[in-house]
Amino acid sequence: MAQIHRASASPGTMGRRELIEEARLQTAAIGRLGAWLRLACSLAAIGAILVLWGTQKASPAAVAAGVACLVIGVPISVILKIGIAHARSNVEKILEAAGAGSSAHDGADERSASRRARRSTRA
């Protein structure tokens, strides 16, 4: 079951550790969304294959199934792609607020915090 994280304070009043933890949780959620994105893209690809195959074999059922897969898969893929891009931007802003963003060019703490946030998506 998905973990629900409730931030009791605004990002401006959160401490560095809380911000890094929030970035880690959001990065994990981005990873889960990435899995759904791959599934939606696969659905769209299957739809395209079915449409092409159905037109060559004169199979209206395959064409209809392919169009249905495309109609479902393409919009979901676009929505997830945009959402993931915005979420990554949000994580970068959180890490910058914590002093651990990509704009910080020095310090091992910043690099290790970013690595920990990225690693959590793989788990």
PDB file of N, CA and C in Angstrom:
ATOM      1  N   MET A   1       0.843  -1.170   0.000  1.00  0.00           N
ATOM      2  CA  MET A   1       0.000   0.000   0.000  1.00  0.00           C
ATOM      3  C   MET A   1       0.889   1.234   0.000  1.00  0.00           C
ATOM      4  N   ALA A   2       0.476   2.249  -0.705  1.00  0.00           N
ATOM      5  CA  ALA A   2       1.259   3.472  -0.831  1.00  0.00           C
ATOM      6  C   ALA A   2       1.292   4.220   0.488  1.00  0.00           C
ATOM      7  N   GLN A   3       2.439   4.780   0.784  1.00  0.00           N
ATOM      8  CA  GLN A   3       2.600   5.552   2.003  1.00  0.00           C
ATOM      9  C   GLN A   3       2.119   6.972   1.749  1.00  0.00           C
ATOM     10  N   ILE A   4       1.319   7.468   2.665  1.00  0.00           N
ATOM     11  CA  ILE A   4       0.818   8.835   2.545  1.00  0.00           C
ATOM     12  C   ILE A   4       1.635   9.705   3.481  1.00  0.00           C
ATOM     13  N   HIS A   5       2.218  10.743   2.918  1.00  0.00           N
ATOM     14  CA  HIS A   5       3.056  11.647   3.690  1.00  0.00           C
ATOM     15  C   HIS A   5       2.319  12.958   3.878  1.00  0.00           C
ATOM     16  N   ARG A   6       2.197  13.376   5.114  1.00  0.00           N
ATOM     17  CA  ARG A   6       1.511  14.620   5.404  1.00  0.00           C
ATOM     18  C   ARG A   6       2.521  15.609   5.956  1.00  0.00           C
ATOM     19  N   ALA A   7       2.699  16.693   5.246  1.00  0.00           N
ATOM     20  CA  ALA A   7       3.595  17.746   5.705  1.00  0.00           C
ATOM     21  C   ALA A   7       2.799  18.680   6.605  1.00  0.00           C
ATOM     22  N   SER A   8       3.213  18.774   7.863  1.00  0.00           N
ATOM     23  CA  SER A   8       2.475  19.602   8.805  1.00  0.00           C
ATOM     24  C   SER A   8       2.905  21.055   8.739  1.00  0.00           C
ATOM     25  N   ALA A   9       4.031  21.308   8.116  1.00  0.00           N
ATOM     26  CA  ALA A   9       4.520  22.683   8.033  1.00  0.00           C
ATOM     27  C   ALA A   9       4.767  23.030   6.577  1.00  0.00           C
ATOM     28  N   SER A  10       4.793  24.310   6.311  1.00  0.00           N
ATOM     29  CA  SER A  10       5.087  24.746   4.952  1.00  0.00           C
ATOM     30  C   SER A  10       6.570  24.551   4.682  1.00  0.00           C
ATOM     31  N   PRO A  11       6.965  24.454   3.402  1.00  0.00           N
ATOM     32  CA  PRO A  11       8.376  24.240   3.080  1.00  0.00           C
ATOM     33  C   PRO A  11       9.296  25.312   3.652  1.00  0.00           C
ATOM     34  N   GLY A  12       8.770  26.518   3.850  1.00  0.00           N
ATOM     35  CA  GLY A  12       9.597  27.593   4.395  1.00  0.00           C
ATOM     36  C   GLY A  12       9.979  27.380   5.845  1.00  0.00           C
ATOM     37  N   THR A  13       9.183  26.593   6.583  1.00  0.00           N
ATOM     38  CA  THR A  13       9.465  26.373   7.999  1.00  0.00           C
ATOM     39  C   THR A  13      10.004  24.982   8.282  1.00  0.00           C
ATOM     40  N   MET A  14      10.142  24.169   7.268  1.00  0.00           N
ATOM     41  CA  MET A  14      10.670  22.818   7.465  1.00  0.00           C
ATOM     42  C   MET A  14      12.184  22.872   7.598  1.00  0.00           C
ATOM     43  N   GLY A  15      12.730  21.952   8.397  1.00  0.00           N
ATOM     44  CA  GLY A  15      14.172  21.867   8.553  1.00  0.00           C
ATOM     45  C   GLY A  15      14.814  21.147   7.381  1.00  0.00           C
ATOM     46  N   ARG A  16      16.138  21.175   7.375  1.00  0.00           N
ATOM     47  CA  ARG A  16      16.888  20.568   6.277  1.00  0.00           C
ATOM     48  C   ARG A  16      16.606  19.079   6.149  1.00  0.00           C
ATOM     49  N   ARG A  17      16.601  18.371   7.281  1.00  0.00           N
ATOM     50  CA  ARG A  17      16.349  16.925   7.226  1.00  0.00           C
ATOM     51  C   ARG A  17      14.947  16.615   6.723  1.00  0.00           C
ATOM     52  N   GLU A  18      13.972  17.405   7.166  1.00  0.00           N
ATOM     53  CA  GLU A  18      12.599  17.186   6.713  1.00  0.00           C
ATOM     54  C   GLU A  18      12.473  17.434   5.217  1.00  0.00           C
ATOM     55  N   LEU A  19      13.156  18.468   4.720  1.00  0.00           N
ATOM     56  CA  LEU A  19      13.112  18.757   3.287  1.00  0.00           C
ATOM     57  C   LEU A  19      13.750  17.628   2.475  1.00  0.00           C
ATOM     58  N   ILE A  20      14.869  17.123   2.968  1.00  0.00           N
ATOM     59  CA  ILE A  20      15.539  16.031   2.256  1.00  0.00           C
ATOM     60  C   ILE A  20      14.668  14.774   2.293  1.00  0.00           C
ATOM     61  N   GLU A  21      14.012  14.524   3.429  1.00  0.00           N
ATOM     62  CA  GLU A  21      13.113  13.376   3.516  1.00  0.00           C
ATOM     63  C   GLU A  21      11.933  13.543   2.560  1.00  0.00           C
ATOM     64  N   GLU A  22      11.390  14.743   2.492  1.00  0.00           N
ATOM     65  CA  GLU A  22      10.286  15.011   1.566  1.00  0.00           C
ATOM     66  C   GLU A  22      10.738  14.795   0.125  1.00  0.00           C
ATOM     67  N   ALA A  23      11.937  15.243  -0.211  1.00  0.00           N
ATOM     68  CA  ALA A  23      12.470  15.036  -1.561  1.00  0.00           C
ATOM     69  C   ALA A  23      12.640  13.549  -1.844  1.00  0.00           C
ATOM     70  N   ARG A  24      13.088  12.798  -0.845  1.00  0.00           N
ATOM     71  CA  ARG A  24      13.259  11.358  -1.015  1.00  0.00           C
ATOM     72  C   ARG A  24      11.908  10.683  -1.270  1.00  0.00           C
ATOM     73  N   LEU A  25      10.891  11.066  -0.500  1.00  0.00           N
ATOM     74  CA  LEU A  25       9.564  10.478  -0.678  1.00  0.00           C
ATOM     75  C   LEU A  25       8.983  10.824  -2.043  1.00  0.00           C
ATOM     76  N   GLN A  26       9.156  12.077  -2.450  1.00  0.00           N
ATOM     77  CA  GLN A  26       8.630  12.483  -3.751  1.00  0.00           C
ATOM     78  C   GLN A  26       9.393  11.801  -4.888  1.00  0.00           C
ATOM     79  N   THR A  27      10.682  11.596  -4.709  1.00  0.00           N
ATOM     80  CA  THR A  27      11.470  10.912  -5.727  1.00  0.00           C
ATOM     81  C   THR A  27      11.015   9.457  -5.852  1.00  0.00           C
ATOM     82  N   ALA A  28      10.679   8.833  -4.729  1.00  0.00           N
ATOM     83  CA  ALA A  28      10.153   7.469  -4.774  1.00  0.00           C
ATOM     84  C   ALA A  28       8.813   7.442  -5.520  1.00  0.00           C
ATOM     85  N   ALA A  29       7.983   8.438  -5.278  1.00  0.00           N
ATOM     86  CA  ALA A  29       6.698   8.513  -5.979  1.00  0.00           C
ATOM     87  C   ALA A  29       6.910   8.722  -7.478  1.00  0.00           C
ATOM     88  N   ILE A  30       7.907   9.512  -7.840  1.00  0.00           N
ATOM     89  CA  ILE A  30       8.225   9.728  -9.255  1.00  0.00           C
ATOM     90  C   ILE A  30       8.619   8.400  -9.907  1.00  0.00           C
ATOM     91  N   GLY A  31       9.366   7.588  -9.179  1.00  0.00           N
ATOM     92  CA  GLY A  31       9.743   6.276  -9.702  1.00  0.00           C
ATOM     93  C   GLY A  31       8.534   5.397  -9.958  1.00  0.00           C
ATOM     94  N   ARG A  32       7.565   5.442  -9.048  1.00  0.00           N
ATOM     95  CA  ARG A  32       6.340   4.659  -9.255  1.00  0.00           C
ATOM     96  C   ARG A  32       5.561   5.193 -10.451  1.00  0.00           C
ATOM     97  N   LEU A  33       5.518   6.509 -10.612  1.00  0.00           N
ATOM     98  CA  LEU A  33       4.846   7.082 -11.779  1.00  0.00           C
ATOM     99  C   LEU A  33       5.561   6.682 -13.069  1.00  0.00           C
ATOM    100  N   GLY A  34       6.885   6.569 -12.997  1.00  0.00           N
ATOM    101  CA  GLY A  34       7.657   6.140 -14.160  1.00  0.00           C
ATOM    102  C   GLY A  34       7.276   4.738 -14.618  1.00  0.00           C
ATOM    103  N   ALA A  35       6.968   3.869 -13.660  1.00  0.00           N
ATOM    104  CA  ALA A  35       6.525   2.516 -14.021  1.00  0.00           C
ATOM    105  C   ALA A  35       5.183   2.579 -14.748  1.00  0.00           C
ATOM    106  N   TRP A  36       4.274   3.431 -14.272  1.00  0.00           N
ATOM    107  CA  TRP A  36       2.982   3.596 -14.946  1.00  0.00           C
ATOM    108  C   TRP A  36       3.171   4.199 -16.333  1.00  0.00           C
ATOM    109  N   LEU A  37       4.147   5.105 -16.467  1.00  0.00           N
ATOM    110  CA  LEU A  37       4.425   5.702 -17.775  1.00  0.00           C
ATOM    111  C   LEU A  37       4.884   4.633 -18.760  1.00  0.00           C
ATOM    112  N   ARG A  38       5.756   3.743 -18.321  1.00  0.00           N
ATOM    113  CA  ARG A  38       6.205   2.660 -19.205  1.00  0.00           C
ATOM    114  C   ARG A  38       5.032   1.770 -19.623  1.00  0.00           C
ATOM    115  N   LEU A  39       4.128   1.490 -18.688  1.00  0.00           N
ATOM    116  CA  LEU A  39       2.953   0.679 -19.028  1.00  0.00           C
ATOM    117  C   LEU A  39       2.060   1.390 -20.041  1.00  0.00           C
ATOM    118  N   ALA A  40       1.840   2.690 -19.851  1.00  0.00           N
ATOM    119  CA  ALA A  40       0.992   3.445 -20.778  1.00  0.00           C
ATOM    120  C   ALA A  40       1.635   3.518 -22.161  1.00  0.00           C
ATOM    121  N   CYS A  41       2.940   3.709 -22.221  1.00  0.00           N
ATOM    122  CA  CYS A  41       3.634   3.728 -23.519  1.00  0.00           C
ATOM    123  C   CYS A  41       3.560   2.358 -24.187  1.00  0.00           C
ATOM    124  N   SER A  42       3.659   1.300 -23.398  1.00  0.00           N
ATOM    125  CA  SER A  42       3.539  -0.048 -23.950  1.00  0.00           C
ATOM    126  C   SER A  42       2.142  -0.275 -24.511  1.00  0.00           C
ATOM    127  N   LEU A  43       1.130   0.213 -23.808  1.00  0.00           N
ATOM    128  CA  LEU A  43      -0.241   0.086 -24.297  1.00  0.00           C
ATOM    129  C   LEU A  43      -0.411   0.807 -25.632  1.00  0.00           C
ATOM    130  N   ALA A  44       0.159   2.004 -25.735  1.00  0.00           N
ATOM    131  CA  ALA A  44       0.076   2.758 -26.992  1.00  0.00           C
ATOM    132  C   ALA A  44       0.817   2.025 -28.112  1.00  0.00           C
ATOM    133  N   ALA A  45       1.967   1.448 -27.803  1.00  0.00           N
ATOM    134  CA  ALA A  45       2.724   0.708 -28.819  1.00  0.00           C
ATOM    135  C   ALA A  45       1.962  -0.526 -29.280  1.00  0.00           C
ATOM    136  N   ILE A  46       1.352  -1.227 -28.342  1.00  0.00           N
ATOM    137  CA  ILE A  46       0.541  -2.391 -28.706  1.00  0.00           C
ATOM    138  C   ILE A  46      -0.621  -1.958 -29.596  1.00  0.00           C
ATOM    139  N   GLY A  47      -1.213  -0.824 -29.274  1.00  0.00           N
ATOM    140  CA  GLY A  47      -2.297  -0.303 -30.093  1.00  0.00           C
ATOM    141  C   GLY A  47      -1.861  -0.011 -31.511  1.00  0.00           C
ATOM    142  N   ALA A  48      -0.699   0.616 -31.648  1.00  0.00           N
ATOM    143  CA  ALA A  48      -0.193   0.920 -32.993  1.00  0.00           C
ATOM    144  C   ALA A  48       0.071  -0.359 -33.780  1.00  0.00           C
ATOM    145  N   ILE A  49       0.642  -1.359 -33.116  1.00  0.00           N
ATOM    146  CA  ILE A  49       0.915  -2.638 -33.783  1.00  0.00           C
ATOM    147  C   ILE A  49      -0.390  -3.299 -34.213  1.00  0.00           C
ATOM    148  N   LEU A  50      -1.400  -3.267 -33.331  1.00  0.00           N
ATOM    149  CA  LEU A  50      -2.687  -3.878 -33.678  1.00  0.00           C
ATOM    150  C   LEU A  50      -3.350  -3.176 -34.864  1.00  0.00           C
ATOM    151  N   VAL A  51      -3.257  -1.840 -34.894  1.00  0.00           N
ATOM    152  CA  VAL A  51      -3.849  -1.100 -36.010  1.00  0.00           C
ATOM    153  C   VAL A  51      -3.152  -1.473 -37.310  1.00  0.00           C
ATOM    154  N   LEU A  52      -1.830  -1.480 -37.306  1.00  0.00           N
ATOM    155  CA  LEU A  52      -1.093  -1.843 -38.523  1.00  0.00           C
ATOM    156  C   LEU A  52      -1.378  -3.272 -38.951  1.00  0.00           C
ATOM    157  N   TRP A  53      -1.358  -4.193 -38.006  1.00  0.00           N
ATOM    158  CA  TRP A  53      -1.605  -5.587 -38.323  1.00  0.00           C
ATOM    159  C   TRP A  53      -3.038  -5.778 -38.814  1.00  0.00           C
ATOM    160  N   GLY A  54      -3.983  -5.112 -38.158  1.00  0.00           N
ATOM    161  CA  GLY A  54      -5.387  -5.246 -38.542  1.00  0.00           C
ATOM    162  C   GLY A  54      -5.680  -4.701 -39.926  1.00  0.00           C
ATOM    163  N   THR A  55      -4.997  -3.633 -40.313  1.00  0.00           N
ATOM    164  CA  THR A  55      -5.222  -3.089 -41.655  1.00  0.00           C
ATOM    165  C   THR A  55      -4.613  -3.992 -42.722  1.00  0.00           C
ATOM    166  N   GLN A  56      -3.505  -4.639 -42.420  1.00  0.00           N
ATOM    167  CA  GLN A  56      -2.884  -5.530 -43.394  1.00  0.00           C
ATOM    168  C   GLN A  56      -3.649  -6.840 -43.543  1.00  0.00           C
ATOM    169  N   LYS A  57      -4.243  -7.319 -42.471  1.00  0.00           N
ATOM    170  CA  LYS A  57      -4.959  -8.590 -42.483  1.00  0.00           C
ATOM    171  C   LYS A  57      -6.466  -8.401 -42.644  1.00  0.00           C
ATOM    172  N   ALA A  58      -6.901  -7.168 -42.853  1.00  0.00           N
ATOM    173  CA  ALA A  58      -8.323  -6.846 -43.000  1.00  0.00           C
ATOM    174  C   ALA A  58      -9.132  -7.370 -41.812  1.00  0.00           C
ATOM    175  N   SER A  59      -8.628  -7.069 -40.622  1.00  0.00           N
ATOM    176  CA  SER A  59      -9.289  -7.508 -39.400  1.00  0.00           C
ATOM    177  C   SER A  59      -9.843  -6.293 -38.655  1.00  0.00           C
ATOM    178  N   PRO A  60     -11.136  -6.029 -38.783  1.00  0.00           N
ATOM    179  CA  PRO A  60     -11.704  -4.856 -38.117  1.00  0.00           C
ATOM    180  C   PRO A  60     -11.634  -4.935 -36.591  1.00  0.00           C
ATOM    181  N   ALA A  61     -11.679  -6.151 -36.048  1.00  0.00           N
ATOM    182  CA  ALA A  61     -11.588  -6.295 -34.590  1.00  0.00           C
ATOM    183  C   ALA A  61     -10.216  -5.849 -34.085  1.00  0.00           C
ATOM    184  N   ALA A  62      -9.161  -6.215 -34.804  1.00  0.00           N
ATOM    185  CA  ALA A  62      -7.803  -5.820 -34.411  1.00  0.00           C
ATOM    186  C   ALA A  62      -7.630  -4.311 -34.537  1.00  0.00           C
ATOM    187  N   VAL A  63      -8.185  -3.732 -35.597  1.00  0.00           N
ATOM    188  CA  VAL A  63      -8.098  -2.278 -35.776  1.00  0.00           C
ATOM    189  C   VAL A  63      -8.828  -1.575 -34.644  1.00  0.00           C
ATOM    190  N   ALA A  64     -10.026  -2.061 -34.300  1.00  0.00           N
ATOM    191  CA  ALA A  64     -10.802  -1.439 -33.221  1.00  0.00           C
ATOM    192  C   ALA A  64     -10.078  -1.551 -31.883  1.00  0.00           C
ATOM    193  N   ALA A  65      -9.507  -2.722 -31.607  1.00  0.00           N
ATOM    194  CA  ALA A  65      -8.758  -2.899 -30.358  1.00  0.00           C
ATOM    195  C   ALA A  65      -7.518  -2.001 -30.338  1.00  0.00           C
ATOM    196  N   GLY A  66      -6.854  -1.890 -31.475  1.00  0.00           N
ATOM    197  CA  GLY A  66      -5.674  -1.034 -31.556  1.00  0.00           C
ATOM    198  C   GLY A  66      -6.007   0.425 -31.343  1.00  0.00           C
ATOM    199  N   VAL A  67      -7.095   0.881 -31.948  1.00  0.00           N
ATOM    200  CA  VAL A  67      -7.511   2.274 -31.765  1.00  0.00           C
ATOM    201  C   VAL A  67      -7.879   2.525 -30.307  1.00  0.00           C
ATOM    202  N   ALA A  68      -8.552   1.566 -29.689  1.00  0.00           N
ATOM    203  CA  ALA A  68      -8.908   1.717 -28.276  1.00  0.00           C
ATOM    204  C   ALA A  68      -7.654   1.824 -27.410  1.00  0.00           C
ATOM    205  N   CYS A  69      -6.665   0.985 -27.678  1.00  0.00           N
ATOM    206  CA  CYS A  69      -5.403   1.052 -26.924  1.00  0.00           C
ATOM    207  C   CYS A  69      -4.707   2.397 -27.132  1.00  0.00           C
ATOM    208  N   LEU A  70      -4.724   2.882 -28.357  1.00  0.00           N
ATOM    209  CA  LEU A  70      -4.111   4.178 -28.641  1.00  0.00           C
ATOM    210  C   LEU A  70      -4.855   5.316 -27.944  1.00  0.00           C
ATOM    211  N   VAL A  71      -6.173   5.268 -27.977  1.00  0.00           N
ATOM    212  CA  VAL A  71      -6.981   6.326 -27.369  1.00  0.00           C
ATOM    213  C   VAL A  71      -6.761   6.371 -25.856  1.00  0.00           C
ATOM    214  N   ILE A  72      -6.517   5.215 -25.255  1.00  0.00           N
ATOM    215  CA  ILE A  72      -6.276   5.174 -23.813  1.00  0.00           C
ATOM    216  C   ILE A  72      -4.802   5.452 -23.499  1.00  0.00           C
ATOM    217  N   GLY A  73      -3.893   4.809 -24.211  1.00  0.00           N
ATOM    218  CA  GLY A  73      -2.472   4.866 -23.875  1.00  0.00           C
ATOM    219  C   GLY A  73      -1.787   6.187 -24.142  1.00  0.00           C
ATOM    220  N   VAL A  74      -2.090   6.832 -25.260  1.00  0.00           N
ATOM    221  CA  VAL A  74      -1.384   8.067 -25.622  1.00  0.00           C
ATOM    222  C   VAL A  74      -1.684   9.215 -24.654  1.00  0.00           C
ATOM    223  N   PRO A  75      -2.960   9.518 -24.364  1.00  0.00           N
ATOM    224  CA  PRO A  75      -3.201  10.624 -23.433  1.00  0.00           C
ATOM    225  C   PRO A  75      -2.644  10.370 -22.029  1.00  0.00           C
ATOM    226  N   ILE A  76      -2.758   9.115 -21.571  1.00  0.00           N
ATOM    227  CA  ILE A  76      -2.218   8.801 -20.245  1.00  0.00           C
ATOM    228  C   ILE A  76      -0.705   8.982 -20.246  1.00  0.00           C
ATOM    229  N   SER A  77      -0.043   8.572 -21.323  1.00  0.00           N
ATOM    230  CA  SER A  77       1.411   8.740 -21.427  1.00  0.00           C
ATOM    231  C   SER A  77       1.800  10.216 -21.380  1.00  0.00           C
ATOM    232  N   VAL A  78       1.068  11.033 -22.106  1.00  0.00           N
ATOM    233  CA  VAL A  78       1.376  12.470 -22.139  1.00  0.00           C
ATOM    234  C   VAL A  78       1.172  13.094 -20.758  1.00  0.00           C
ATOM    235  N   ILE A  79       0.061  12.767 -20.124  1.00  0.00           N
ATOM    236  CA  ILE A  79      -0.229  13.321 -18.800  1.00  0.00           C
ATOM    237  C   ILE A  79       0.834  12.901 -17.793  1.00  0.00           C
ATOM    238  N   LEU A  80       1.208  11.626 -17.800  1.00  0.00           N
ATOM    239  CA  LEU A  80       2.231  11.158 -16.866  1.00  0.00           C
ATOM    240  C   LEU A  80       3.585  11.793 -17.151  1.00  0.00           C
ATOM    241  N   LYS A  81       3.936  11.934 -18.418  1.00  0.00           N
ATOM    242  CA  LYS A  81       5.227  12.543 -18.770  1.00  0.00           C
ATOM    243  C   LYS A  81       5.313  13.982 -18.257  1.00  0.00           C
ATOM    244  N   ILE A  82       4.247  14.739 -18.459  1.00  0.00           N
ATOM    245  CA  ILE A  82       4.218  16.124 -17.983  1.00  0.00           C
ATOM    246  C   ILE A  82       4.259  16.157 -16.457  1.00  0.00           C
ATOM    247  N   GLY A  83       3.489  15.283 -15.817  1.00  0.00           N
ATOM    248  CA  GLY A  83       3.472  15.228 -14.355  1.00  0.00           C
ATOM    249  C   GLY A  83       4.827  14.875 -13.769  1.00  0.00           C
ATOM    250  N   ILE A  84       5.518  13.926 -14.382  1.00  0.00           N
ATOM    251  CA  ILE A  84       6.843  13.526 -13.898  1.00  0.00           C
ATOM    252  C   ILE A  84       7.837  14.670 -14.061  1.00  0.00           C
ATOM    253  N   ALA A  85       7.759  15.382 -15.180  1.00  0.00           N
ATOM    254  CA  ALA A  85       8.662  16.522 -15.388  1.00  0.00           C
ATOM    255  C   ALA A  85       8.440  17.599 -14.330  1.00  0.00           C
ATOM    256  N   HIS A  86       7.185  17.882 -14.022  1.00  0.00           N
ATOM    257  CA  HIS A  86       6.883  18.886 -12.994  1.00  0.00           C
ATOM    258  C   HIS A  86       7.318  18.396 -11.615  1.00  0.00           C
ATOM    259  N   ALA A  87       7.136  17.110 -11.352  1.00  0.00           N
ATOM    260  CA  ALA A  87       7.529  16.560 -10.058  1.00  0.00           C
ATOM    261  C   ALA A  87       9.044  16.608  -9.874  1.00  0.00           C
ATOM    262  N   ARG A  88       9.790  16.318 -10.927  1.00  0.00           N
ATOM    263  CA  ARG A  88      11.255  16.403 -10.830  1.00  0.00           C
ATOM    264  C   ARG A  88      11.701  17.834 -10.550  1.00  0.00           C
ATOM    265  N   SER A  89      11.033  18.783 -11.202  1.00  0.00           N
ATOM    266  CA  SER A  89      11.337  20.193 -10.951  1.00  0.00           C
ATOM    267  C   SER A  89      11.045  20.549  -9.495  1.00  0.00           C
ATOM    268  N   ASN A  90       9.953  20.016  -8.972  1.00  0.00           N
ATOM    269  CA  ASN A  90       9.589  20.271  -7.587  1.00  0.00           C
ATOM    270  C   ASN A  90      10.627  19.696  -6.625  1.00  0.00           C
ATOM    271  N   VAL A  91      11.123  18.498  -6.908  1.00  0.00           N
ATOM    272  CA  VAL A  91      12.147  17.887  -6.061  1.00  0.00           C
ATOM    273  C   VAL A  91      13.422  18.724  -6.087  1.00  0.00           C
ATOM    274  N   GLU A  92      13.791  19.222  -7.263  1.00  0.00           N
ATOM    275  CA  GLU A  92      14.975  20.085  -7.354  1.00  0.00           C
ATOM    276  C   GLU A  92      14.806  21.339  -6.492  1.00  0.00           C
ATOM    277  N   LYS A  93      13.616  21.920  -6.518  1.00  0.00           N
ATOM    278  CA  LYS A  93      13.355  23.112  -5.701  1.00  0.00           C
ATOM    279  C   LYS A  93      13.425  22.789  -4.217  1.00  0.00           C
ATOM    280  N   ILE A  94      12.918  21.632  -3.835  1.00  0.00           N
ATOM    281  CA  ILE A  94      12.977  21.230  -2.425  1.00  0.00           C
ATOM    282  C   ILE A  94      14.427  21.036  -1.999  1.00  0.00           C
ATOM    283  N   LEU A  95      15.216  20.366  -2.857  1.00  0.00           N
ATOM    284  CA  LEU A  95      16.625  20.149  -2.518  1.00  0.00           C
ATOM    285  C   LEU A  95      17.402  21.461  -2.469  1.00  0.00           C
ATOM    286  N   GLU A  96      17.055  22.388  -3.341  1.00  0.00           N
ATOM    287  CA  GLU A  96      17.707  23.704  -3.287  1.00  0.00           C
ATOM    288  C   GLU A  96      17.341  24.426  -2.007  1.00  0.00           C
ATOM    289  N   ALA A  97      16.080  24.311  -1.572  1.00  0.00           N
ATOM    290  CA  ALA A  97      15.666  24.945  -0.322  1.00  0.00           C
ATOM    291  C   ALA A  97      16.387  24.323   0.869  1.00  0.00           C
ATOM    292  N   ALA A  98      16.727  23.038   0.754  1.00  0.00           N
ATOM    293  CA  ALA A  98      17.457  22.355   1.822  1.00  0.00           C
ATOM    294  C   ALA A  98      18.955  22.593   1.730  1.00  0.00           C
ATOM    295  N   GLY A  99      19.379  23.266   0.678  1.00  0.00           N
ATOM    296  CA  GLY A  99      20.810  23.480   0.484  1.00  0.00           C
ATOM    297  C   GLY A  99      21.481  22.265  -0.123  1.00  0.00           C
ATOM    298  N   ALA A 100      20.699  21.396  -0.752  1.00  0.00           N
ATOM    299  CA  ALA A 100      21.254  20.172  -1.325  1.00  0.00           C
ATOM    300  C   ALA A 100      20.906  20.042  -2.793  1.00  0.00           C
ATOM    301  N   GLY A 101      20.603  21.156  -3.450  1.00  0.00           N
ATOM    302  CA  GLY A 101      20.167  21.113  -4.837  1.00  0.00           C
ATOM    303  C   GLY A 101      21.313  20.973  -5.803  1.00  0.00           C
ATOM    304  N   SER A 102      20.965  20.840  -7.071  1.00  0.00           N
ATOM    305  CA  SER A 102      21.981  20.684  -8.099  1.00  0.00           C
ATOM    306  C   SER A 102      22.755  21.974  -8.330  1.00  0.00           C
ATOM    307  N   SER A 103      22.200  23.117  -7.840  1.00  0.00           N
ATOM    308  CA  SER A 103      22.913  24.376  -8.009  1.00  0.00           C
ATOM    309  C   SER A 103      24.057  24.503  -7.009  1.00  0.00           C
ATOM    310  N   ALA A 104      24.046  23.691  -5.957  1.00  0.00           N
ATOM    311  CA  ALA A 104      25.148  23.702  -4.995  1.00  0.00           C
ATOM    312  C   ALA A 104      26.283  22.883  -5.584  1.00  0.00           C
ATOM    313  N   HIS A 105      27.406  23.523  -5.840  1.00  0.00           N
ATOM    314  CA  HIS A 105      28.487  22.846  -6.557  1.00  0.00           C
ATOM    315  C   HIS A 105      29.535  22.244  -5.639  1.00  0.00           C
ATOM    316  N   ASP A 106      29.442  22.497  -4.344  1.00  0.00           N
ATOM    317  CA  ASP A 106      30.457  21.947  -3.469  1.00  0.00           C
ATOM    318  C   ASP A 106      29.810  21.305  -2.254  1.00  0.00           C
ATOM    319  N   GLY A 107      30.566  20.435  -1.602  1.00  0.00           N
ATOM    320  CA  GLY A 107      30.104  19.805  -0.384  1.00  0.00           C
ATOM    321  C   GLY A 107      29.605  18.398  -0.612  1.00  0.00           C
ATOM    322  N   ALA A 108      30.074  17.486   0.220  1.00  0.00           N
ATOM    323  CA  ALA A 108      29.683  16.086   0.084  1.00  0.00           C
ATOM    324  C   ALA A 108      28.251  15.864   0.535  1.00  0.00           C
ATOM    325  N   ASP A 109      27.766  16.656   1.498  1.00  0.00           N
ATOM    326  CA  ASP A 109      26.394  16.474   1.976  1.00  0.00           C
ATOM    327  C   ASP A 109      25.379  16.665   0.865  1.00  0.00           C
ATOM    328  N   GLU A 110      25.586  17.665   0.048  1.00  0.00           N
ATOM    329  CA  GLU A 110      24.641  17.937  -1.031  1.00  0.00           C
ATOM    330  C   GLU A 110      24.633  16.803  -2.047  1.00  0.00           C
ATOM    331  N   ARG A 111      25.823  16.330  -2.391  1.00  0.00           N
ATOM    332  CA  ARG A 111      25.897  15.245  -3.371  1.00  0.00           C
ATOM    333  C   ARG A 111      25.313  13.962  -2.811  1.00  0.00           C
ATOM    334  N   SER A 112      25.592  13.654  -1.558  1.00  0.00           N
ATOM    335  CA  SER A 112      25.060  12.418  -0.990  1.00  0.00           C
ATOM    336  C   SER A 112      23.556  12.503  -0.810  1.00  0.00           C
ATOM    337  N   ALA A 113      23.011  13.681  -0.508  1.00  0.00           N
ATOM    338  CA  ALA A 113      21.563  13.831  -0.379  1.00  0.00           C
ATOM    339  C   ALA A 113      20.895  13.598  -1.728  1.00  0.00           C
ATOM    340  N   SER A 114      21.481  14.128  -2.792  1.00  0.00           N
ATOM    341  CA  SER A 114      20.920  13.918  -4.124  1.00  0.00           C
ATOM    342  C   SER A 114      21.000  12.446  -4.511  1.00  0.00           C
ATOM    343  N   ARG A 115      22.117  11.791  -4.187  1.00  0.00           N
ATOM    344  CA  ARG A 115      22.260  10.367  -4.494  1.00  0.00           C
ATOM    345  C   ARG A 115      21.236   9.543  -3.727  1.00  0.00           C
ATOM    346  N   ARG A 116      21.035   9.876  -2.447  1.00  0.00           N
ATOM    347  CA  ARG A 116      20.049   9.142  -1.651  1.00  0.00           C
ATOM    348  C   ARG A 116      18.650   9.326  -2.231  1.00  0.00           C
ATOM    349  N   ALA A 117      18.331  10.532  -2.671  1.00  0.00           N
ATOM    350  CA  ALA A 117      17.011  10.793  -3.246  1.00  0.00           C
ATOM    351  C   ALA A 117      16.832  10.009  -4.538  1.00  0.00           C
ATOM    352  N   ARG A 118      17.867   9.917  -5.364  1.00  0.00           N
ATOM    353  CA  ARG A 118      17.766   9.170  -6.621  1.00  0.00           C
ATOM    354  C   ARG A 118      17.692   7.668  -6.353  1.00  0.00           C
ATOM    355  N   ARG A 119      18.461   7.188  -5.358  1.00  0.00           N
ATOM    356  CA  ARG A 119      18.466   5.760  -5.050  1.00  0.00           C
ATOM    357  C   ARG A 119      17.107   5.281  -4.582  1.00  0.00           C
ATOM    358  N   SER A 120      16.377   6.138  -3.908  1.00  0.00           N
ATOM    359  CA  SER A 120      15.087   5.703  -3.364  1.00  0.00           C
ATOM    360  C   SER A 120      14.092   5.366  -4.457  1.00  0.00           C
ATOM    361  N   THR A 121      14.279   5.900  -5.676  1.00  0.00           N
ATOM    362  CA  THR A 121      13.374   5.560  -6.769  1.00  0.00           C
ATOM    363  C   THR A 121      13.630   4.162  -7.291  1.00  0.00           C
ATOM    364  N   ARG A 122      14.824   3.666  -7.113  1.00  0.00           N
ATOM    365  CA  ARG A 122      15.171   2.331  -7.616  1.00  0.00           C
ATOM    366  C   ARG A 122      14.660   1.231  -6.694  1.00  0.00           C
ATOM    367  N   ALA A 123      14.405   1.564  -5.444  1.00  0.00           N
ATOM    368  CA  ALA A 123      13.974   0.549  -4.462  1.00  0.00           C
ATOM    369  C   ALA A 123      12.547   0.138  -4.637  1.00  0.00           C
TER     370      ALA A 123
END
